[in-house]
Amino acid sequence: MFRLIQLHAQHGVPRIGVDPDGYGSEHAALARYRETPATYFGIGRFDESGRLAEIIMDSECGDCAGPAVVVHAETFQPLCDTCSFGLEVLTVPDLSVRLGVAVRLAPVLAPSGRHAAPDESCAVTNRIARELMQHIEDPVWRMELCSELARTPGAVNGLLIGVGALSHRDVLDLYPALCALGTQLPGTIHADLVRATARPLSPAGVAALRLGL
């Protein structure tokens, strides 16, 4: 049995949260995870007794959608070599020791159905992050953004990056437009970000609160 899991630190101690929905295969669980990357850390494989036997960590950086190789030592956010530069990080084996359970990187899923190819998803992610500050007050741009997110759910990382990059002054100036965008988001992404407010210091939690969720 596979379930989506959250991983966060509480008073310096790693805590694992488990989603109640179960999946019969790793592939099915990863497909669901990649529709909601802002909310979860990865996939947990549970044995017949219901005990967590393995954690399957997503192989995408939480900041830039590049290949993750380590996790942040405090937030456990997956990071690539570039985004982790100068930060205190844990390798995958280090994380396994810290958690007391086996951890491995997930395989890359082949695109199918409405899921975009990795290159397309990365391009959309980068464009959203780049354009957000200049265009968020444009209602047509917001509508087009939500259509893009509905087609390419993984590109929500671009939204997290763009919103997270705003200064406090920018957030105050743009707050009405941010709230308007928050109400327009596709249902699944909206629900995931609302749940992320339980972790207000995470990238998804910061973005959700700035979007008025």
C-alpha atoms as a PDB file:
ATOM      1  CA  MET A   1       0.000   0.000   0.000  1.00  0.00           C
ATOM      2  CA  PHE A   2       1.251   3.480  -0.892  1.00  0.00           C
ATOM      3  CA  ARG A   3       0.187   6.770   0.659  1.00  0.00           C
ATOM      4  CA  LEU A   4       1.192  10.406   0.167  1.00  0.00           C
ATOM      5  CA  ILE A   5       3.206  11.766   3.075  1.00  0.00           C
ATOM      6  CA  GLN A   6       4.210  15.127   4.486  1.00  0.00           C
ATOM      7  CA  LEU A   7       7.517  15.737   6.225  1.00  0.00           C
ATOM      8  CA  HIS A   8       8.175  18.677   8.516  1.00  0.00           C
ATOM      9  CA  ALA A   9      10.245  19.552  11.562  1.00  0.00           C
ATOM     10  CA  GLN A  10       8.721  20.128  14.984  1.00  0.00           C
ATOM     11  CA  HIS A  11      11.163  21.551  17.542  1.00  0.00           C
ATOM     12  CA  GLY A  12      13.989  20.152  15.449  1.00  0.00           C
ATOM     13  CA  VAL A  13      12.459  16.672  15.279  1.00  0.00           C
ATOM     14  CA  PRO A  14      11.253  15.349  11.906  1.00  0.00           C
ATOM     15  CA  ARG A  15       7.546  14.493  11.849  1.00  0.00           C
ATOM     16  CA  ILE A  16       5.825  12.427   9.177  1.00  0.00           C
ATOM     17  CA  GLY A  17       2.190  13.061   8.278  1.00  0.00           C
ATOM     18  CA  VAL A  18       0.268  10.458   6.274  1.00  0.00           C
ATOM     19  CA  ASP A  19      -2.614  11.129   3.862  1.00  0.00           C
ATOM     20  CA  PRO A  20      -5.562   8.773   4.468  1.00  0.00           C
ATOM     21  CA  ASP A  21      -6.012   7.843   0.796  1.00  0.00           C
ATOM     22  CA  GLY A  22      -4.212   4.664  -0.263  1.00  0.00           C
ATOM     23  CA  TYR A  23      -2.892   3.586  -3.681  1.00  0.00           C
ATOM     24  CA  GLY A  24      -2.270   0.098  -4.952  1.00  0.00           C
ATOM     25  CA  SER A  25       0.907   0.925  -6.872  1.00  0.00           C
ATOM     26  CA  GLU A  26       3.859   3.284  -6.662  1.00  0.00           C
ATOM     27  CA  HIS A  27       3.064   4.580 -10.151  1.00  0.00           C
ATOM     28  CA  ALA A  28      -0.492   5.549  -9.162  1.00  0.00           C
ATOM     29  CA  ALA A  29       0.682   7.254  -5.981  1.00  0.00           C
ATOM     30  CA  LEU A  30       3.373   9.217  -7.824  1.00  0.00           C
ATOM     31  CA  ALA A  31       0.907  10.303 -10.490  1.00  0.00           C
ATOM     32  CA  ARG A  32      -1.355  11.697  -7.773  1.00  0.00           C
ATOM     33  CA  TYR A  33       1.583  13.263  -5.951  1.00  0.00           C
ATOM     34  CA  ARG A  34       2.716  15.103  -9.059  1.00  0.00           C
ATOM     35  CA  GLU A  35      -0.712  16.677  -9.395  1.00  0.00           C
ATOM     36  CA  THR A  36      -0.227  18.178  -5.922  1.00  0.00           C
ATOM     37  CA  PRO A  37       3.528  18.735  -5.491  1.00  0.00           C
ATOM     38  CA  ALA A  38       3.113  21.728  -3.184  1.00  0.00           C
ATOM     39  CA  THR A  39       1.402  19.758  -0.443  1.00  0.00           C
ATOM     40  CA  TYR A  40       3.409  16.564   0.038  1.00  0.00           C
ATOM     41  CA  PHE A  41       7.011  15.452   0.440  1.00  0.00           C
ATOM     42  CA  GLY A  42       6.683  12.163  -1.415  1.00  0.00           C
ATOM     43  CA  ILE A  43       5.273   8.641  -1.210  1.00  0.00           C
ATOM     44  CA  GLY A  44       5.298   6.221   1.692  1.00  0.00           C
ATOM     45  CA  ARG A  45       5.284   2.453   1.090  1.00  0.00           C
ATOM     46  CA  PHE A  46       3.621   0.571   3.939  1.00  0.00           C
ATOM     47  CA  ASP A  47       4.039  -3.129   4.682  1.00  0.00           C
ATOM     48  CA  GLU A  48       1.258  -5.619   5.445  1.00  0.00           C
ATOM     49  CA  SER A  49       1.226  -4.623   9.101  1.00  0.00           C
ATOM     50  CA  GLY A  50       0.676  -0.969   8.168  1.00  0.00           C
ATOM     51  CA  ARG A  51       4.178   0.130   9.154  1.00  0.00           C
ATOM     52  CA  LEU A  52       6.091   2.618   7.022  1.00  0.00           C
ATOM     53  CA  ALA A  53       8.723   0.576   5.184  1.00  0.00           C
ATOM     54  CA  GLU A  54      10.126   3.089   2.685  1.00  0.00           C
ATOM     55  CA  ILE A  55       9.849   6.726   1.614  1.00  0.00           C
ATOM     56  CA  ILE A  56       9.979   7.518  -2.083  1.00  0.00           C
ATOM     57  CA  MET A  57      11.176  11.094  -2.448  1.00  0.00           C
ATOM     58  CA  ASP A  58      10.291  13.062  -5.556  1.00  0.00           C
ATOM     59  CA  SER A  59      13.223  13.760  -7.846  1.00  0.00           C
ATOM     60  CA  GLU A  60      12.235  17.382  -8.623  1.00  0.00           C
ATOM     61  CA  CYS A  61      13.721  20.422  -6.870  1.00  0.00           C
ATOM     62  CA  GLY A  62      11.133  22.351  -4.903  1.00  0.00           C
ATOM     63  CA  ASP A  63      12.550  25.704  -6.035  1.00  0.00           C
ATOM     64  CA  CYS A  64      13.363  25.357  -9.721  1.00  0.00           C
ATOM     65  CA  ALA A  65      11.952  22.012 -10.949  1.00  0.00           C
ATOM     66  CA  GLY A  66      15.494  20.752 -11.646  1.00  0.00           C
ATOM     67  CA  PRO A  67      16.694  17.302 -10.479  1.00  0.00           C
ATOM     68  CA  ALA A  68      16.729  17.092  -6.661  1.00  0.00           C
ATOM     69  CA  VAL A  69      19.812  15.549  -5.073  1.00  0.00           C
ATOM     70  CA  VAL A  70      19.529  16.652  -1.412  1.00  0.00           C
ATOM     71  CA  VAL A  71      16.969  18.034   1.057  1.00  0.00           C
ATOM     72  CA  HIS A  72      17.148  21.140   3.222  1.00  0.00           C
ATOM     73  CA  ALA A  73      18.283  20.080   6.697  1.00  0.00           C
ATOM     74  CA  GLU A  74      15.510  22.031   8.481  1.00  0.00           C
ATOM     75  CA  THR A  75      12.546  22.146   6.090  1.00  0.00           C
ATOM     76  CA  PHE A  76      13.261  18.862   4.225  1.00  0.00           C
ATOM     77  CA  GLN A  77      12.484  20.552   0.907  1.00  0.00           C
ATOM     78  CA  PRO A  78      14.089  18.652  -2.021  1.00  0.00           C
ATOM     79  CA  LEU A  79      16.751  20.776  -3.709  1.00  0.00           C
ATOM     80  CA  CYS A  80      19.062  20.557  -6.706  1.00  0.00           C
ATOM     81  CA  ASP A  81      22.789  21.295  -6.544  1.00  0.00           C
ATOM     82  CA  THR A  82      22.296  24.938  -7.555  1.00  0.00           C
ATOM     83  CA  CYS A  83      19.453  25.796  -5.166  1.00  0.00           C
ATOM     84  CA  SER A  84      21.154  24.027  -2.259  1.00  0.00           C
ATOM     85  CA  PHE A  85      24.423  25.960  -2.628  1.00  0.00           C
ATOM     86  CA  GLY A  86      25.468  27.438   0.721  1.00  0.00           C
ATOM     87  CA  LEU A  87      22.602  25.811   2.651  1.00  0.00           C
ATOM     88  CA  GLU A  88      22.715  23.132   5.317  1.00  0.00           C
ATOM     89  CA  VAL A  89      21.459  20.011   3.560  1.00  0.00           C
ATOM     90  CA  LEU A  90      21.062  16.265   3.962  1.00  0.00           C
ATOM     91  CA  THR A  91      21.854  13.701   1.311  1.00  0.00           C
ATOM     92  CA  VAL A  92      19.310  10.962   0.671  1.00  0.00           C
ATOM     93  CA  PRO A  93      21.298   8.456   2.806  1.00  0.00           C
ATOM     94  CA  ASP A  94      21.615  11.112   5.556  1.00  0.00           C
ATOM     95  CA  LEU A  95      17.846  11.635   5.477  1.00  0.00           C
ATOM     96  CA  SER A  96      17.277   7.901   5.727  1.00  0.00           C
ATOM     97  CA  VAL A  97      19.414   7.739   8.866  1.00  0.00           C
ATOM     98  CA  ARG A  98      17.665  10.810  10.320  1.00  0.00           C
ATOM     99  CA  LEU A  99      14.207   9.314   9.788  1.00  0.00           C
ATOM    100  CA  GLY A 100      15.075   5.723  10.595  1.00  0.00           C
ATOM    101  CA  VAL A 101      13.453   4.465   7.395  1.00  0.00           C
ATOM    102  CA  ALA A 102      14.762   3.748   3.897  1.00  0.00           C
ATOM    103  CA  VAL A 103      14.565   6.691   1.476  1.00  0.00           C
ATOM    104  CA  ARG A 104      15.098   6.639  -2.286  1.00  0.00           C
ATOM    105  CA  LEU A 105      14.470   8.945  -5.215  1.00  0.00           C
ATOM    106  CA  ALA A 106      11.395   8.320  -7.347  1.00  0.00           C
ATOM    107  CA  PRO A 107      11.700   7.301 -11.010  1.00  0.00           C
ATOM    108  CA  VAL A 108      10.743   9.782 -13.711  1.00  0.00           C
ATOM    109  CA  LEU A 109       7.198   9.169 -14.901  1.00  0.00           C
ATOM    110  CA  ALA A 110       6.495   9.066 -18.604  1.00  0.00           C
ATOM    111  CA  PRO A 111       3.945  11.760 -19.539  1.00  0.00           C
ATOM    112  CA  SER A 112       0.433  10.615 -20.294  1.00  0.00           C
ATOM    113  CA  GLY A 113      -3.065  12.022 -20.587  1.00  0.00           C
ATOM    114  CA  ARG A 114      -3.311  15.615 -19.444  1.00  0.00           C
ATOM    115  CA  HIS A 115       0.093  15.595 -17.773  1.00  0.00           C
ATOM    116  CA  ALA A 116       2.610  17.736 -19.597  1.00  0.00           C
ATOM    117  CA  ALA A 117       6.005  16.502 -20.720  1.00  0.00           C
ATOM    118  CA  PRO A 118       8.803  17.471 -18.298  1.00  0.00           C
ATOM    119  CA  ASP A 119      10.325  20.067 -20.646  1.00  0.00           C
ATOM    120  CA  GLU A 120       6.955  21.731 -21.184  1.00  0.00           C
ATOM    121  CA  SER A 121       6.167  21.740 -17.473  1.00  0.00           C
ATOM    122  CA  CYS A 122       9.557  23.285 -16.695  1.00  0.00           C
ATOM    123  CA  ALA A 123       9.070  25.977 -19.343  1.00  0.00           C
ATOM    124  CA  VAL A 124       5.617  26.873 -17.999  1.00  0.00           C
ATOM    125  CA  THR A 125       6.961  26.910 -14.426  1.00  0.00           C
ATOM    126  CA  ASN A 126       9.756  29.305 -15.345  1.00  0.00           C
ATOM    127  CA  ARG A 127       7.439  31.588 -17.328  1.00  0.00           C
ATOM    128  CA  ILE A 128       4.903  31.852 -14.505  1.00  0.00           C
ATOM    129  CA  ALA A 129       7.616  32.677 -11.971  1.00  0.00           C
ATOM    130  CA  ARG A 130       9.144  35.262 -14.313  1.00  0.00           C
ATOM    131  CA  GLU A 131       5.899  37.025 -15.290  1.00  0.00           C
ATOM    132  CA  LEU A 132       3.906  36.983 -12.072  1.00  0.00           C
ATOM    133  CA  MET A 133       4.936  40.280 -10.506  1.00  0.00           C
ATOM    134  CA  GLN A 134       4.481  42.297 -13.704  1.00  0.00           C
ATOM    135  CA  HIS A 135       1.196  40.746 -14.819  1.00  0.00           C
ATOM    136  CA  ILE A 136      -0.771  39.608 -11.779  1.00  0.00           C
ATOM    137  CA  GLU A 137      -2.976  42.720 -11.861  1.00  0.00           C
ATOM    138  CA  ASP A 138      -4.085  41.835 -15.393  1.00  0.00           C
ATOM    139  CA  PRO A 139      -7.325  39.782 -15.140  1.00  0.00           C
ATOM    140  CA  VAL A 140      -6.744  38.260 -18.586  1.00  0.00           C
ATOM    141  CA  TRP A 141      -3.275  37.070 -17.550  1.00  0.00           C
ATOM    142  CA  ARG A 142      -4.701  35.576 -14.349  1.00  0.00           C
ATOM    143  CA  MET A 143      -7.340  33.711 -16.353  1.00  0.00           C
ATOM    144  CA  GLU A 144      -4.691  32.379 -18.767  1.00  0.00           C
ATOM    145  CA  LEU A 145      -2.479  31.387 -15.811  1.00  0.00           C
ATOM    146  CA  CYS A 146      -5.284  29.344 -14.271  1.00  0.00           C
ATOM    147  CA  SER A 147      -5.904  27.637 -17.604  1.00  0.00           C
ATOM    148  CA  GLU A 148      -2.192  26.763 -17.793  1.00  0.00           C
ATOM    149  CA  LEU A 149      -2.272  25.349 -14.265  1.00  0.00           C
ATOM    150  CA  ALA A 150      -5.327  23.246 -15.091  1.00  0.00           C
ATOM    151  CA  ARG A 151      -3.440  21.755 -18.073  1.00  0.00           C
ATOM    152  CA  THR A 152      -0.075  21.515 -16.313  1.00  0.00           C
ATOM    153  CA  PRO A 153      -0.578  21.035 -12.555  1.00  0.00           C
ATOM    154  CA  GLY A 154       3.139  20.568 -11.920  1.00  0.00           C
ATOM    155  CA  ALA A 155       3.726  24.169 -13.012  1.00  0.00           C
ATOM    156  CA  VAL A 156       2.248  25.293  -9.685  1.00  0.00           C
ATOM    157  CA  ASN A 157       5.894  25.509  -8.588  1.00  0.00           C
ATOM    158  CA  GLY A 158       6.180  28.597 -10.790  1.00  0.00           C
ATOM    159  CA  LEU A 159       3.326  30.170  -8.844  1.00  0.00           C
ATOM    160  CA  LEU A 160       5.025  29.336  -5.540  1.00  0.00           C
ATOM    161  CA  ILE A 161       8.319  30.790  -6.738  1.00  0.00           C
ATOM    162  CA  GLY A 162       6.744  33.944  -8.173  1.00  0.00           C
ATOM    163  CA  VAL A 163       4.581  34.676  -5.136  1.00  0.00           C
ATOM    164  CA  GLY A 164       7.371  33.777  -2.724  1.00  0.00           C
ATOM    165  CA  ALA A 165       9.769  36.176  -4.467  1.00  0.00           C
ATOM    166  CA  LEU A 166       7.542  39.208  -3.796  1.00  0.00           C
ATOM    167  CA  SER A 167       8.756  41.647  -1.154  1.00  0.00           C
ATOM    168  CA  HIS A 168       6.473  42.517   1.759  1.00  0.00           C
ATOM    169  CA  ARG A 169       5.802  45.884   0.082  1.00  0.00           C
ATOM    170  CA  ASP A 170       4.921  44.118  -3.181  1.00  0.00           C
ATOM    171  CA  VAL A 171       2.470  41.872  -1.326  1.00  0.00           C
ATOM    172  CA  LEU A 172       0.745  44.886   0.234  1.00  0.00           C
ATOM    173  CA  ASP A 173       0.537  46.693  -3.119  1.00  0.00           C
ATOM    174  CA  LEU A 174      -0.658  43.640  -5.041  1.00  0.00           C
ATOM    175  CA  TYR A 175      -2.795  42.009  -2.351  1.00  0.00           C
ATOM    176  CA  PRO A 176      -6.180  42.578  -4.067  1.00  0.00           C
ATOM    177  CA  ALA A 177      -4.856  40.962  -7.261  1.00  0.00           C
ATOM    178  CA  LEU A 178      -3.228  38.136  -5.268  1.00  0.00           C
ATOM    179  CA  CYS A 179      -6.528  37.409  -3.521  1.00  0.00           C
ATOM    180  CA  ALA A 180      -8.370  37.512  -6.843  1.00  0.00           C
ATOM    181  CA  LEU A 181      -5.933  34.941  -8.238  1.00  0.00           C
ATOM    182  CA  GLY A 182      -6.390  32.806  -5.137  1.00  0.00           C
ATOM    183  CA  THR A 183     -10.130  32.545  -5.788  1.00  0.00           C
ATOM    184  CA  GLN A 184      -9.590  31.671  -9.467  1.00  0.00           C
ATOM    185  CA  LEU A 185      -7.141  28.789  -9.048  1.00  0.00           C
ATOM    186  CA  PRO A 186      -8.171  25.334 -10.310  1.00  0.00           C
ATOM    187  CA  GLY A 187      -9.992  23.369  -7.628  1.00  0.00           C
ATOM    188  CA  THR A 188      -7.315  20.797  -6.858  1.00  0.00           C
ATOM    189  CA  ILE A 189      -4.528  23.376  -6.610  1.00  0.00           C
ATOM    190  CA  HIS A 190      -6.742  25.667  -4.516  1.00  0.00           C
ATOM    191  CA  ALA A 191      -7.506  22.817  -2.092  1.00  0.00           C
ATOM    192  CA  ASP A 192      -3.842  21.795  -1.847  1.00  0.00           C
ATOM    193  CA  LEU A 193      -2.749  25.356  -1.068  1.00  0.00           C
ATOM    194  CA  VAL A 194      -5.461  25.752   1.555  1.00  0.00           C
ATOM    195  CA  ARG A 195      -4.110  22.616   3.262  1.00  0.00           C
ATOM    196  CA  ALA A 196      -0.599  24.034   2.970  1.00  0.00           C
ATOM    197  CA  THR A 197      -1.532  26.949   5.258  1.00  0.00           C
ATOM    198  CA  ALA A 198      -1.050  24.457   8.107  1.00  0.00           C
ATOM    199  CA  ARG A 199       2.686  24.828   7.290  1.00  0.00           C
ATOM    200  CA  PRO A 200       2.952  28.638   7.017  1.00  0.00           C
ATOM    201  CA  LEU A 201       6.744  28.677   6.697  1.00  0.00           C
ATOM    202  CA  SER A 202       6.822  26.243   3.777  1.00  0.00           C
ATOM    203  CA  PRO A 203       6.960  27.679   0.216  1.00  0.00           C
ATOM    204  CA  ALA A 204       3.394  26.512  -0.419  1.00  0.00           C
ATOM    205  CA  GLY A 205       2.209  27.886   2.930  1.00  0.00           C
ATOM    206  CA  VAL A 206       3.773  31.294   2.276  1.00  0.00           C
ATOM    207  CA  ALA A 207       2.218  31.442  -1.196  1.00  0.00           C
ATOM    208  CA  ALA A 208      -1.196  30.357   0.107  1.00  0.00           C
ATOM    209  CA  LEU A 209      -1.280  33.035   2.786  1.00  0.00           C
ATOM    210  CA  ARG A 210      -0.158  35.712   0.325  1.00  0.00           C
ATOM    211  CA  LEU A 211      -2.961  34.588  -2.008  1.00  0.00           C
ATOM    212  CA  GLY A 212      -5.465  35.153   0.773  1.00  0.00           C
ATOM    213  CA  LEU A 213      -6.239  31.453   1.277  1.00  0.00           C
END
